């Protein structure tokens, strides 16, 4: 996770954001946006979304399409919004490139279709109480009545980016507004206590050493903890050795719910090594680690729970959601903050 996002998430520990998803099997025509060029292309979408782990039953994705001023669907305009736990955003900003772009003319309208939420890997957010115009129809409609009264108090977190800056918003919705609201709808939560986690998509891409950990936490007292930030090396599909770790008892507060820990001896890592976390008990008067709920890489967990951090793992690991640890690192080469993904820690 990049430092600005980590800092923001740490500051919002303890808040409960308002969040609502676009309805089940619904089509939302976004009358909020008008295209003022006679012809242009929508090249990307700025999104506020929720990404979950794909499963056998959770395998659907939202899409966008274009409707003409007479309410008819433009054939060939549909593009699926595909994200997975292997291409998440470390900055919290989701700008989805459209390949190929969607051709669009003056008067056309962009729409977003959301399948059943429970079966969707990606779910689009909206925020109530913000003036913005859209209309709601059935999911598979190819002809819609654009003369019906619009919904005027729900901001769908989708913004079209075009060639030539051809987008006007009736209520001054800008890319920055969507990006900010997309950050606000996600929340931070406490790690699952007394468990060991491995993150197979958070991988070091070179040889070097960790000189500083920065992490989000809530310090509830002085009780000693065993929580660790770790480096693991995979030996075979179900075998891992811990090659380095930092017990985060001794730390320095550097911001609101933001801490740093400097290892006495830098932790060495090799290209391909994997990040891990051991989370101690979360009750009582102790420091507890936090993570972003969803929109992160695949989490693997050692089951059952562990009373102390393990040094080796020799069992199959359970998939445990795709939450994003509030952690970043400073490494010895080059000296910069990072957690670059697709989930690779680049040097």
C-alpha atoms as a PDB file:
ATOM      1  CA  UNK A   1       0.000   0.000   0.000  1.00  0.00           C
ATOM      2  CA  UNK A   2       1.344   3.421  -0.935  1.00  0.00           C
ATOM      3  CA  UNK A   3       2.120   5.809   1.906  1.00  0.00           C
ATOM      4  CA  UNK A   4      -0.548   8.474   1.113  1.00  0.00           C
ATOM      5  CA  UNK A   5      -3.296   5.826   1.088  1.00  0.00           C
ATOM      6  CA  UNK A   6      -1.909   4.226   4.249  1.00  0.00           C
ATOM      7  CA  UNK A   7      -1.873   7.616   5.994  1.00  0.00           C
ATOM      8  CA  UNK A   8      -5.457   8.335   4.921  1.00  0.00           C
ATOM      9  CA  UNK A   9      -6.716   4.924   6.028  1.00  0.00           C
ATOM     10  CA  UNK A  10      -4.949   5.230   9.394  1.00  0.00           C
ATOM     11  CA  UNK A  11      -6.535   8.635  10.004  1.00  0.00           C
ATOM     12  CA  UNK A  12      -9.982   7.121   9.420  1.00  0.00           C
ATOM     13  CA  UNK A  13      -9.610   4.190  11.807  1.00  0.00           C
ATOM     14  CA  UNK A  14     -12.787   4.053  13.864  1.00  0.00           C
ATOM     15  CA  UNK A  15     -15.030   5.746  11.285  1.00  0.00           C
ATOM     16  CA  UNK A  16     -18.014   3.977   9.717  1.00  0.00           C
ATOM     17  CA  UNK A  17     -18.443   5.334   6.185  1.00  0.00           C
ATOM     18  CA  UNK A  18     -21.801   5.376   4.447  1.00  0.00           C
ATOM     19  CA  UNK A  19     -21.700   3.050   1.462  1.00  0.00           C
ATOM     20  CA  UNK A  20     -24.345   1.774  -0.940  1.00  0.00           C
ATOM     21  CA  UNK A  21     -24.016  -0.373  -4.028  1.00  0.00           C
ATOM     22  CA  UNK A  22     -25.846   0.159  -7.306  1.00  0.00           C
ATOM     23  CA  UNK A  23     -28.946  -2.074  -7.153  1.00  0.00           C
ATOM     24  CA  UNK A  24     -29.147  -5.760  -7.998  1.00  0.00           C
ATOM     25  CA  UNK A  25     -29.637  -6.433 -11.703  1.00  0.00           C
ATOM     26  CA  UNK A  26     -30.117  -2.759 -12.470  1.00  0.00           C
ATOM     27  CA  UNK A  27     -29.111  -0.416 -15.270  1.00  0.00           C
ATOM     28  CA  UNK A  28     -28.277   3.191 -14.377  1.00  0.00           C
ATOM     29  CA  UNK A  29     -28.180   5.742 -17.198  1.00  0.00           C
ATOM     30  CA  UNK A  30     -25.891   8.598 -16.135  1.00  0.00           C
ATOM     31  CA  UNK A  31     -27.639  11.765 -17.279  1.00  0.00           C
ATOM     32  CA  UNK A  32     -25.166  13.657 -15.112  1.00  0.00           C
ATOM     33  CA  UNK A  33     -22.616  13.678 -17.939  1.00  0.00           C
ATOM     34  CA  UNK A  34     -23.012  15.329 -21.336  1.00  0.00           C
ATOM     35  CA  UNK A  35     -20.524  14.885 -24.158  1.00  0.00           C
ATOM     36  CA  UNK A  36     -19.905  18.204 -25.906  1.00  0.00           C
ATOM     37  CA  UNK A  37     -17.833  17.007 -28.871  1.00  0.00           C
ATOM     38  CA  UNK A  38     -19.475  15.920 -32.098  1.00  0.00           C
ATOM     39  CA  UNK A  39     -17.418  12.730 -31.896  1.00  0.00           C
ATOM     40  CA  UNK A  40     -14.935  11.419 -29.354  1.00  0.00           C
ATOM     41  CA  UNK A  41     -13.873   8.268 -27.479  1.00  0.00           C
ATOM     42  CA  UNK A  42     -14.320   7.269 -23.850  1.00  0.00           C
ATOM     43  CA  UNK A  43     -10.836   5.975 -23.082  1.00  0.00           C
ATOM     44  CA  UNK A  44     -11.110   5.112 -19.380  1.00  0.00           C
ATOM     45  CA  UNK A  45     -13.395   5.169 -16.346  1.00  0.00           C
ATOM     46  CA  UNK A  46     -12.635   6.545 -12.884  1.00  0.00           C
ATOM     47  CA  UNK A  47     -14.442   4.283 -10.441  1.00  0.00           C
ATOM     48  CA  UNK A  48     -15.525   3.853  -6.861  1.00  0.00           C
ATOM     49  CA  UNK A  49     -15.810   0.085  -6.531  1.00  0.00           C
ATOM     50  CA  UNK A  50     -15.663  -2.861  -4.176  1.00  0.00           C
ATOM     51  CA  UNK A  51     -13.528  -5.821  -5.290  1.00  0.00           C
ATOM     52  CA  UNK A  52     -14.017  -9.261  -3.778  1.00  0.00           C
ATOM     53  CA  UNK A  53     -12.307 -12.616  -4.184  1.00  0.00           C
ATOM     54  CA  UNK A  54     -13.759 -14.541  -7.158  1.00  0.00           C
ATOM     55  CA  UNK A  55     -15.382 -17.885  -6.316  1.00  0.00           C
ATOM     56  CA  UNK A  56     -17.427 -20.481  -8.154  1.00  0.00           C
ATOM     57  CA  UNK A  57     -20.635 -18.553  -7.498  1.00  0.00           C
ATOM     58  CA  UNK A  58     -19.143 -15.051  -7.310  1.00  0.00           C
ATOM     59  CA  UNK A  59     -18.034 -14.603 -10.910  1.00  0.00           C
ATOM     60  CA  UNK A  60     -19.993 -11.706 -12.436  1.00  0.00           C
ATOM     61  CA  UNK A  61     -18.805  -8.193 -13.342  1.00  0.00           C
ATOM     62  CA  UNK A  62     -20.495  -4.848 -14.026  1.00  0.00           C
ATOM     63  CA  UNK A  63     -20.294  -3.200 -17.421  1.00  0.00           C
ATOM     64  CA  UNK A  64     -20.825   0.137 -19.117  1.00  0.00           C
ATOM     65  CA  UNK A  65     -22.627   0.877 -22.354  1.00  0.00           C
ATOM     66  CA  UNK A  66     -23.856   3.848 -24.393  1.00  0.00           C
ATOM     67  CA  UNK A  67     -27.419   4.873 -25.227  1.00  0.00           C
ATOM     68  CA  UNK A  68     -28.529   7.234 -27.984  1.00  0.00           C
ATOM     69  CA  UNK A  69     -30.741  10.276 -27.195  1.00  0.00           C
ATOM     70  CA  UNK A  70     -33.783   8.241 -28.372  1.00  0.00           C
ATOM     71  CA  UNK A  71     -33.112   5.631 -25.662  1.00  0.00           C
ATOM     72  CA  UNK A  72     -31.671   2.879 -27.863  1.00  0.00           C
ATOM     73  CA  UNK A  73     -28.557   0.926 -26.897  1.00  0.00           C
ATOM     74  CA  UNK A  74     -25.552   1.447 -29.179  1.00  0.00           C
ATOM     75  CA  UNK A  75     -24.610  -1.973 -30.502  1.00  0.00           C
ATOM     76  CA  UNK A  76     -21.040  -2.915 -29.601  1.00  0.00           C
ATOM     77  CA  UNK A  77     -20.649  -0.225 -26.927  1.00  0.00           C
ATOM     78  CA  UNK A  78     -20.619  -2.558 -23.908  1.00  0.00           C
ATOM     79  CA  UNK A  79     -17.345  -2.939 -21.964  1.00  0.00           C
ATOM     80  CA  UNK A  80     -16.977  -5.167 -18.907  1.00  0.00           C
ATOM     81  CA  UNK A  81     -15.290  -3.717 -15.807  1.00  0.00           C
ATOM     82  CA  UNK A  82     -12.923  -6.505 -14.842  1.00  0.00           C
ATOM     83  CA  UNK A  83     -10.770  -6.342 -11.730  1.00  0.00           C
ATOM     84  CA  UNK A  84      -9.335  -9.149  -9.644  1.00  0.00           C
ATOM     85  CA  UNK A  85      -7.300  -9.538  -6.471  1.00  0.00           C
ATOM     86  CA  UNK A  86      -4.132  -9.680  -8.589  1.00  0.00           C
ATOM     87  CA  UNK A  87      -4.497  -6.182 -10.115  1.00  0.00           C
ATOM     88  CA  UNK A  88      -5.709  -4.034  -7.238  1.00  0.00           C
ATOM     89  CA  UNK A  89      -4.809  -0.382  -6.680  1.00  0.00           C
ATOM     90  CA  UNK A  90      -2.111   0.476  -4.129  1.00  0.00           C
ATOM     91  CA  UNK A  91      -3.094   4.166  -4.270  1.00  0.00           C
ATOM     92  CA  UNK A  92      -6.838   3.658  -3.809  1.00  0.00           C
ATOM     93  CA  UNK A  93      -7.569   5.181  -7.236  1.00  0.00           C
ATOM     94  CA  UNK A  94      -9.203   2.924  -9.812  1.00  0.00           C
ATOM     95  CA  UNK A  95      -8.970   4.194 -13.387  1.00  0.00           C
ATOM     96  CA  UNK A  96     -10.066   1.427 -15.719  1.00  0.00           C
ATOM     97  CA  UNK A  97      -8.719   1.633 -19.302  1.00  0.00           C
ATOM     98  CA  UNK A  98     -11.210   0.785 -22.036  1.00  0.00           C
ATOM     99  CA  UNK A  99      -9.689  -1.350 -24.753  1.00  0.00           C
ATOM    100  CA  UNK A 100     -10.947  -0.642 -27.288  1.00  0.00           C
ATOM    101  CA  UNK A 101     -12.270   2.817 -26.353  1.00  0.00           C
ATOM    102  CA  UNK A 102     -15.998   3.475 -26.707  1.00  0.00           C
ATOM    103  CA  UNK A 103     -16.870   5.829 -29.607  1.00  0.00           C
ATOM    104  CA  UNK A 104     -19.434   8.410 -28.544  1.00  0.00           C
ATOM    105  CA  UNK A 105     -21.285  11.335 -30.117  1.00  0.00           C
ATOM    106  CA  UNK A 106     -22.827  14.516 -28.775  1.00  0.00           C
ATOM    107  CA  UNK A 107     -26.094  13.682 -27.004  1.00  0.00           C
ATOM    108  CA  UNK A 108     -25.143  10.104 -26.142  1.00  0.00           C
ATOM    109  CA  UNK A 109     -25.430   8.885 -22.553  1.00  0.00           C
ATOM    110  CA  UNK A 110     -23.199   6.537 -20.584  1.00  0.00           C
ATOM    111  CA  UNK A 111     -24.834   3.793 -18.512  1.00  0.00           C
ATOM    112  CA  UNK A 112     -23.587   1.252 -15.972  1.00  0.00           C
ATOM    113  CA  UNK A 113     -25.086  -2.215 -15.451  1.00  0.00           C
ATOM    114  CA  UNK A 114     -24.677  -4.032 -12.123  1.00  0.00           C
ATOM    115  CA  UNK A 115     -25.491  -7.759 -11.916  1.00  0.00           C
ATOM    116  CA  UNK A 116     -26.596  -9.446  -8.696  1.00  0.00           C
ATOM    117  CA  UNK A 117     -24.374  -8.062  -5.931  1.00  0.00           C
ATOM    118  CA  UNK A 118     -23.952 -11.402  -4.185  1.00  0.00           C
ATOM    119  CA  UNK A 119     -22.599 -12.913  -7.401  1.00  0.00           C
ATOM    120  CA  UNK A 120     -20.431  -9.940  -8.416  1.00  0.00           C
ATOM    121  CA  UNK A 121     -16.653  -9.794  -8.009  1.00  0.00           C
ATOM    122  CA  UNK A 122     -16.792  -6.031  -8.677  1.00  0.00           C
ATOM    123  CA  UNK A 123     -19.566  -3.848  -7.270  1.00  0.00           C
ATOM    124  CA  UNK A 124     -20.074  -0.166  -8.091  1.00  0.00           C
ATOM    125  CA  UNK A 125     -20.777   2.281  -5.260  1.00  0.00           C
ATOM    126  CA  UNK A 126     -23.060   5.267  -5.135  1.00  0.00           C
ATOM    127  CA  UNK A 127     -23.352   7.932  -2.434  1.00  0.00           C
ATOM    128  CA  UNK A 128     -26.712   9.309  -1.338  1.00  0.00           C
ATOM    129  CA  UNK A 129     -27.286  12.969  -0.579  1.00  0.00           C
ATOM    130  CA  UNK A 130     -25.121  14.346  -3.394  1.00  0.00           C
ATOM    131  CA  UNK A 131     -26.891  16.090  -6.253  1.00  0.00           C
ATOM    132  CA  UNK A 132     -26.358  14.076  -9.434  1.00  0.00           C
ATOM    133  CA  UNK A 133     -28.694  12.871 -12.171  1.00  0.00           C
ATOM    134  CA  UNK A 134     -29.306   9.291 -13.282  1.00  0.00           C
ATOM    135  CA  UNK A 135     -32.175   7.020 -14.284  1.00  0.00           C
ATOM    136  CA  UNK A 136     -32.764   3.414 -13.233  1.00  0.00           C
ATOM    137  CA  UNK A 137     -33.965   0.634 -15.537  1.00  0.00           C
ATOM    138  CA  UNK A 138     -33.931  -3.143 -15.792  1.00  0.00           C
ATOM    139  CA  UNK A 139     -30.548  -4.809 -16.198  1.00  0.00           C
ATOM    140  CA  UNK A 140     -31.013  -6.124 -19.747  1.00  0.00           C
ATOM    141  CA  UNK A 141     -32.961  -3.198 -21.221  1.00  0.00           C
ATOM    142  CA  UNK A 142     -31.826  -2.228 -24.714  1.00  0.00           C
ATOM    143  CA  UNK A 143     -34.401   0.543 -25.144  1.00  0.00           C
ATOM    144  CA  UNK A 144     -35.124   2.930 -22.282  1.00  0.00           C
ATOM    145  CA  UNK A 145     -37.521   5.823 -21.747  1.00  0.00           C
ATOM    146  CA  UNK A 146     -35.306   8.833 -21.110  1.00  0.00           C
ATOM    147  CA  UNK A 147     -38.302  11.087 -20.440  1.00  0.00           C
ATOM    148  CA  UNK A 148     -38.958   9.566 -17.001  1.00  0.00           C
ATOM    149  CA  UNK A 149     -38.048  11.554 -13.905  1.00  0.00           C
ATOM    150  CA  UNK A 150     -34.390  11.128 -12.928  1.00  0.00           C
ATOM    151  CA  UNK A 151     -32.972  10.220  -9.542  1.00  0.00           C
ATOM    152  CA  UNK A 152     -31.297  13.431  -8.413  1.00  0.00           C
ATOM    153  CA  UNK A 153     -29.646  12.605  -5.069  1.00  0.00           C
ATOM    154  CA  UNK A 154     -27.410   9.610  -5.777  1.00  0.00           C
ATOM    155  CA  UNK A 155     -23.888  10.045  -7.136  1.00  0.00           C
ATOM    156  CA  UNK A 156     -22.856   6.918  -9.039  1.00  0.00           C
ATOM    157  CA  UNK A 157     -19.076   6.596  -8.632  1.00  0.00           C
ATOM    158  CA  UNK A 158     -18.299   6.355 -12.345  1.00  0.00           C
ATOM    159  CA  UNK A 159     -16.667   9.136 -14.358  1.00  0.00           C
ATOM    160  CA  UNK A 160     -15.937   8.882 -18.118  1.00  0.00           C
ATOM    161  CA  UNK A 161     -12.549  10.107 -19.344  1.00  0.00           C
ATOM    162  CA  UNK A 162     -12.499  11.095 -23.024  1.00  0.00           C
ATOM    163  CA  UNK A 163     -10.158  12.263 -25.723  1.00  0.00           C
ATOM    164  CA  UNK A 164     -10.167  16.038 -25.892  1.00  0.00           C
ATOM    165  CA  UNK A 165     -11.852  16.769 -22.537  1.00  0.00           C
ATOM    166  CA  UNK A 166     -15.362  16.438 -23.920  1.00  0.00           C
ATOM    167  CA  UNK A 167     -17.285  15.799 -20.674  1.00  0.00           C
ATOM    168  CA  UNK A 168     -19.580  18.316 -18.990  1.00  0.00           C
ATOM    169  CA  UNK A 169     -21.233  17.610 -15.646  1.00  0.00           C
ATOM    170  CA  UNK A 170     -24.600  19.156 -14.797  1.00  0.00           C
ATOM    171  CA  UNK A 171     -23.587  19.402 -11.125  1.00  0.00           C
ATOM    172  CA  UNK A 172     -19.844  20.020 -11.432  1.00  0.00           C
ATOM    173  CA  UNK A 173     -18.835  16.416 -10.761  1.00  0.00           C
ATOM    174  CA  UNK A 174     -15.132  16.106 -11.621  1.00  0.00           C
ATOM    175  CA  UNK A 175     -12.637  13.226 -11.627  1.00  0.00           C
ATOM    176  CA  UNK A 176     -11.293  14.536  -8.308  1.00  0.00           C
ATOM    177  CA  UNK A 177     -14.753  14.296  -6.729  1.00  0.00           C
ATOM    178  CA  UNK A 178     -15.121  10.648  -7.767  1.00  0.00           C
ATOM    179  CA  UNK A 179     -11.602   9.788  -6.577  1.00  0.00           C
ATOM    180  CA  UNK A 180     -12.197  11.368  -3.173  1.00  0.00           C
ATOM    181  CA  UNK A 181     -15.595   9.749  -2.675  1.00  0.00           C
ATOM    182  CA  UNK A 182     -14.167   6.393  -3.756  1.00  0.00           C
ATOM    183  CA  UNK A 183     -11.638   6.660  -0.919  1.00  0.00           C
ATOM    184  CA  UNK A 184     -14.290   7.650   1.606  1.00  0.00           C
ATOM    185  CA  UNK A 185     -16.577   4.648   1.098  1.00  0.00           C
ATOM    186  CA  UNK A 186     -13.993   2.068   2.206  1.00  0.00           C
ATOM    187  CA  UNK A 187     -13.225   1.398   5.857  1.00  0.00           C
ATOM    188  CA  UNK A 188     -10.391   0.172   8.028  1.00  0.00           C
ATOM    189  CA  UNK A 189     -10.854  -2.792  10.346  1.00  0.00           C
ATOM    190  CA  UNK A 190      -8.915  -4.704  12.984  1.00  0.00           C
ATOM    191  CA  UNK A 191      -6.919  -7.735  11.877  1.00  0.00           C
ATOM    192  CA  UNK A 192      -8.341 -11.132  12.795  1.00  0.00           C
ATOM    193  CA  UNK A 193      -6.554 -11.862  16.069  1.00  0.00           C
ATOM    194  CA  UNK A 194      -4.013 -14.646  16.715  1.00  0.00           C
ATOM    195  CA  UNK A 195      -3.695 -15.650  13.073  1.00  0.00           C
ATOM    196  CA  UNK A 196      -0.879 -15.878  10.564  1.00  0.00           C
ATOM    197  CA  UNK A 197      -1.431 -14.331   7.119  1.00  0.00           C
ATOM    198  CA  UNK A 198       0.562 -14.692   3.887  1.00  0.00           C
ATOM    199  CA  UNK A 199       0.105 -12.374   0.874  1.00  0.00           C
ATOM    200  CA  UNK A 200       1.190 -14.211  -2.295  1.00  0.00           C
ATOM    201  CA  UNK A 201       0.681 -11.102  -4.473  1.00  0.00           C
ATOM    202  CA  UNK A 202       2.786  -8.797  -2.273  1.00  0.00           C
ATOM    203  CA  UNK A 203       6.211  -9.853  -3.476  1.00  0.00           C
ATOM    204  CA  UNK A 204       9.686  -8.294  -3.384  1.00  0.00           C
ATOM    205  CA  UNK A 205      11.004  -7.766  -6.913  1.00  0.00           C
ATOM    206  CA  UNK A 206      14.734  -7.476  -6.099  1.00  0.00           C
ATOM    207  CA  UNK A 207      17.361  -8.206  -3.459  1.00  0.00           C
ATOM    208  CA  UNK A 208      17.706  -5.699  -0.632  1.00  0.00           C
ATOM    209  CA  UNK A 209      16.794  -4.971   2.963  1.00  0.00           C
ATOM    210  CA  UNK A 210      13.887  -3.449   4.869  1.00  0.00           C
ATOM    211  CA  UNK A 211      15.063  -0.448   6.900  1.00  0.00           C
ATOM    212  CA  UNK A 212      11.679   0.778   8.143  1.00  0.00           C
ATOM    213  CA  UNK A 213       8.098  -0.446   8.486  1.00  0.00           C
ATOM    214  CA  UNK A 214       5.220   2.045   8.527  1.00  0.00           C
ATOM    215  CA  UNK A 215       1.814   0.762   9.560  1.00  0.00           C
ATOM    216  CA  UNK A 216      -1.665   1.727  10.712  1.00  0.00           C
ATOM    217  CA  UNK A 217      -2.687   0.680  14.209  1.00  0.00           C
ATOM    218  CA  UNK A 218      -4.637   1.669  17.277  1.00  0.00           C
ATOM    219  CA  UNK A 219      -2.682   1.729  20.518  1.00  0.00           C
ATOM    220  CA  UNK A 220      -4.965   0.839  23.410  1.00  0.00           C
ATOM    221  CA  UNK A 221      -2.286   0.394  26.072  1.00  0.00           C
ATOM    222  CA  UNK A 222       1.108  -0.992  27.037  1.00  0.00           C
ATOM    223  CA  UNK A 223       0.439  -4.745  27.127  1.00  0.00           C
ATOM    224  CA  UNK A 224       3.220  -6.583  25.276  1.00  0.00           C
ATOM    225  CA  UNK A 225       2.172  -8.048  21.935  1.00  0.00           C
ATOM    226  CA  UNK A 226       3.536 -10.644  19.537  1.00  0.00           C
ATOM    227  CA  UNK A 227       2.291  -9.033  16.302  1.00  0.00           C
ATOM    228  CA  UNK A 228       4.904  -9.265  13.549  1.00  0.00           C
ATOM    229  CA  UNK A 229       5.557  -7.811  10.094  1.00  0.00           C
ATOM    230  CA  UNK A 230       7.361 -10.530   8.180  1.00  0.00           C
ATOM    231  CA  UNK A 231       9.308 -11.720   5.142  1.00  0.00           C
ATOM    232  CA  UNK A 232       8.646 -15.271   3.916  1.00  0.00           C
ATOM    233  CA  UNK A 233      10.288 -17.479   1.311  1.00  0.00           C
ATOM    234  CA  UNK A 234       8.202 -20.080  -0.475  1.00  0.00           C
ATOM    235  CA  UNK A 235      10.022 -23.404  -0.879  1.00  0.00           C
ATOM    236  CA  UNK A 236       7.218 -25.381  -2.537  1.00  0.00           C
ATOM    237  CA  UNK A 237       3.429 -25.012  -2.969  1.00  0.00           C
ATOM    238  CA  UNK A 238       2.662 -25.592   0.736  1.00  0.00           C
ATOM    239  CA  UNK A 239       6.018 -24.882   2.377  1.00  0.00           C
ATOM    240  CA  UNK A 240       7.299 -21.507   3.580  1.00  0.00           C
ATOM    241  CA  UNK A 241      10.219 -20.367   5.738  1.00  0.00           C
ATOM    242  CA  UNK A 242      10.185 -17.064   7.604  1.00  0.00           C
ATOM    243  CA  UNK A 243      13.445 -15.300   6.725  1.00  0.00           C
ATOM    244  CA  UNK A 244      12.901 -12.076   8.660  1.00  0.00           C
ATOM    245  CA  UNK A 245      10.427 -10.388  10.969  1.00  0.00           C
ATOM    246  CA  UNK A 246       9.902  -7.355  13.188  1.00  0.00           C
ATOM    247  CA  UNK A 247       8.007  -7.517  16.462  1.00  0.00           C
ATOM    248  CA  UNK A 248       6.132  -4.208  16.498  1.00  0.00           C
ATOM    249  CA  UNK A 249       6.156  -3.665  20.270  1.00  0.00           C
ATOM    250  CA  UNK A 250       8.774  -0.896  20.110  1.00  0.00           C
ATOM    251  CA  UNK A 251       7.442   1.712  17.694  1.00  0.00           C
ATOM    252  CA  UNK A 252       7.138   5.453  17.186  1.00  0.00           C
ATOM    253  CA  UNK A 253       3.889   7.279  16.464  1.00  0.00           C
ATOM    254  CA  UNK A 254       4.347   9.550  13.428  1.00  0.00           C
ATOM    255  CA  UNK A 255       0.734  10.539  12.698  1.00  0.00           C
ATOM    256  CA  UNK A 256      -2.861   9.812  13.590  1.00  0.00           C
ATOM    257  CA  UNK A 257      -2.942   6.030  14.146  1.00  0.00           C
ATOM    258  CA  UNK A 258       0.270   5.867  12.097  1.00  0.00           C
ATOM    259  CA  UNK A 259       3.427   4.214  13.437  1.00  0.00           C
ATOM    260  CA  UNK A 260       6.930   3.400  12.280  1.00  0.00           C
ATOM    261  CA  UNK A 261       9.274   0.657  13.384  1.00  0.00           C
ATOM    262  CA  UNK A 262      12.986   0.662  12.484  1.00  0.00           C
ATOM    263  CA  UNK A 263      14.626  -2.769  12.776  1.00  0.00           C
ATOM    264  CA  UNK A 264      17.863  -2.679  14.757  1.00  0.00           C
ATOM    265  CA  UNK A 265      19.376  -4.715  11.939  1.00  0.00           C
ATOM    266  CA  UNK A 266      17.833  -4.250   8.462  1.00  0.00           C
ATOM    267  CA  UNK A 267      15.874  -7.309   7.317  1.00  0.00           C
ATOM    268  CA  UNK A 268      17.369  -8.949   4.236  1.00  0.00           C
ATOM    269  CA  UNK A 269      15.124 -10.135   1.420  1.00  0.00           C
ATOM    270  CA  UNK A 270      15.571 -11.763  -1.973  1.00  0.00           C
ATOM    271  CA  UNK A 271      13.650 -11.334  -5.190  1.00  0.00           C
ATOM    272  CA  UNK A 272      10.453 -13.369  -4.932  1.00  0.00           C
ATOM    273  CA  UNK A 273      10.148 -13.226  -1.139  1.00  0.00           C
ATOM    274  CA  UNK A 274       6.626 -12.678   0.194  1.00  0.00           C
ATOM    275  CA  UNK A 275       5.127 -10.335   2.773  1.00  0.00           C
ATOM    276  CA  UNK A 276       3.323 -11.747   5.817  1.00  0.00           C
ATOM    277  CA  UNK A 277       1.676 -10.595   9.053  1.00  0.00           C
ATOM    278  CA  UNK A 278       1.078 -12.267  12.372  1.00  0.00           C
ATOM    279  CA  UNK A 279      -1.741 -10.554  14.270  1.00  0.00           C
ATOM    280  CA  UNK A 280      -1.803 -11.049  18.031  1.00  0.00           C
ATOM    281  CA  UNK A 281      -4.883 -10.812  20.219  1.00  0.00           C
ATOM    282  CA  UNK A 282      -6.938  -7.679  19.598  1.00  0.00           C
ATOM    283  CA  UNK A 283      -8.615  -7.386  22.999  1.00  0.00           C
ATOM    284  CA  UNK A 284      -7.419  -5.577  26.112  1.00  0.00           C
ATOM    285  CA  UNK A 285      -4.875  -2.788  26.468  1.00  0.00           C
ATOM    286  CA  UNK A 286      -2.575  -3.440  23.532  1.00  0.00           C
ATOM    287  CA  UNK A 287      -1.597  -2.130  20.100  1.00  0.00           C
ATOM    288  CA  UNK A 288      -3.696  -3.698  17.334  1.00  0.00           C
ATOM    289  CA  UNK A 289      -2.932  -3.748  13.616  1.00  0.00           C
ATOM    290  CA  UNK A 290      -5.450  -2.626  10.996  1.00  0.00           C
ATOM    291  CA  UNK A 291      -6.277  -3.434   7.382  1.00  0.00           C
ATOM    292  CA  UNK A 292      -8.481  -1.986   4.654  1.00  0.00           C
ATOM    293  CA  UNK A 293     -11.661  -4.005   4.200  1.00  0.00           C
ATOM    294  CA  UNK A 294     -11.598  -5.541   0.682  1.00  0.00           C
ATOM    295  CA  UNK A 295     -10.003  -4.072  -2.500  1.00  0.00           C
ATOM    296  CA  UNK A 296      -6.693  -5.747  -1.667  1.00  0.00           C
ATOM    297  CA  UNK A 297      -4.702  -8.776  -2.836  1.00  0.00           C
ATOM    298  CA  UNK A 298      -5.558 -12.356  -1.920  1.00  0.00           C
ATOM    299  CA  UNK A 299      -5.043 -13.149   1.776  1.00  0.00           C
ATOM    300  CA  UNK A 300      -3.935 -16.654   2.743  1.00  0.00           C
ATOM    301  CA  UNK A 301      -4.366 -17.708   6.362  1.00  0.00           C
ATOM    302  CA  UNK A 302      -2.966 -20.507   8.498  1.00  0.00           C
ATOM    303  CA  UNK A 303      -5.839 -22.397  10.108  1.00  0.00           C
ATOM    304  CA  UNK A 304      -6.463 -22.974  12.944  1.00  0.00           C
ATOM    305  CA  UNK A 305      -5.304 -19.867  14.819  1.00  0.00           C
ATOM    306  CA  UNK A 306      -1.788 -19.580  16.247  1.00  0.00           C
ATOM    307  CA  UNK A 307      -0.890 -18.578  19.813  1.00  0.00           C
ATOM    308  CA  UNK A 308       2.466 -17.229  18.615  1.00  0.00           C
ATOM    309  CA  UNK A 309       4.120 -16.377  15.276  1.00  0.00           C
ATOM    310  CA  UNK A 310       5.299 -19.488  13.387  1.00  0.00           C
ATOM    311  CA  UNK A 311       8.748 -19.720  11.783  1.00  0.00           C
ATOM    312  CA  UNK A 312       7.736 -22.293   9.173  1.00  0.00           C
ATOM    313  CA  UNK A 313       4.522 -23.222   7.397  1.00  0.00           C
ATOM    314  CA  UNK A 314       4.025 -26.693   5.948  1.00  0.00           C
ATOM    315  CA  UNK A 315       0.325 -26.965   5.176  1.00  0.00           C
ATOM    316  CA  UNK A 316      -2.216 -25.756   2.670  1.00  0.00           C
ATOM    317  CA  UNK A 317      -3.465 -22.247   3.413  1.00  0.00           C
ATOM    318  CA  UNK A 318      -7.046 -21.030   3.466  1.00  0.00           C
ATOM    319  CA  UNK A 319      -8.148 -18.109   1.296  1.00  0.00           C
ATOM    320  CA  UNK A 320      -9.325 -15.413   3.726  1.00  0.00           C
ATOM    321  CA  UNK A 321     -10.902 -12.536   1.795  1.00  0.00           C
ATOM    322  CA  UNK A 322      -8.841  -9.837   0.090  1.00  0.00           C
ATOM    323  CA  UNK A 323      -8.299  -7.223   2.769  1.00  0.00           C
ATOM    324  CA  UNK A 324      -5.322  -4.853   2.406  1.00  0.00           C
ATOM    325  CA  UNK A 325      -2.817  -4.524   5.293  1.00  0.00           C
ATOM    326  CA  UNK A 326      -2.155  -0.929   6.348  1.00  0.00           C
ATOM    327  CA  UNK A 327       1.585  -1.417   5.880  1.00  0.00           C
ATOM    328  CA  UNK A 328       4.330  -0.005   3.694  1.00  0.00           C
ATOM    329  CA  UNK A 329       8.118  -0.263   3.851  1.00  0.00           C
ATOM    330  CA  UNK A 330      11.284   1.688   3.255  1.00  0.00           C
ATOM    331  CA  UNK A 331      14.024  -0.371   1.671  1.00  0.00           C
ATOM    332  CA  UNK A 332      17.739   0.076   1.257  1.00  0.00           C
ATOM    333  CA  UNK A 333      17.789   0.385  -2.545  1.00  0.00           C
ATOM    334  CA  UNK A 334      16.597   2.748  -3.626  1.00  0.00           C
ATOM    335  CA  UNK A 335      15.529   4.757  -0.571  1.00  0.00           C
ATOM    336  CA  UNK A 336      11.841   5.243  -1.167  1.00  0.00           C
ATOM    337  CA  UNK A 337       8.469   4.220   0.168  1.00  0.00           C
ATOM    338  CA  UNK A 338       6.607   1.545  -1.705  1.00  0.00           C
ATOM    339  CA  UNK A 339       4.239  -1.297  -2.018  1.00  0.00           C
ATOM    340  CA  UNK A 340       3.896  -1.515  -5.757  1.00  0.00           C
ATOM    341  CA  UNK A 341       1.508  -4.073  -7.108  1.00  0.00           C
ATOM    342  CA  UNK A 342       0.445  -5.980  -9.241  1.00  0.00           C
ATOM    343  CA  UNK A 343       1.184  -6.788  -6.066  1.00  0.00           C
ATOM    344  CA  UNK A 344       4.932  -6.537  -6.418  1.00  0.00           C
ATOM    345  CA  UNK A 345       7.252  -4.573  -4.146  1.00  0.00           C
ATOM    346  CA  UNK A 346       9.491  -2.911  -6.724  1.00  0.00           C
ATOM    347  CA  UNK A 347      12.978  -1.573  -6.096  1.00  0.00           C
END
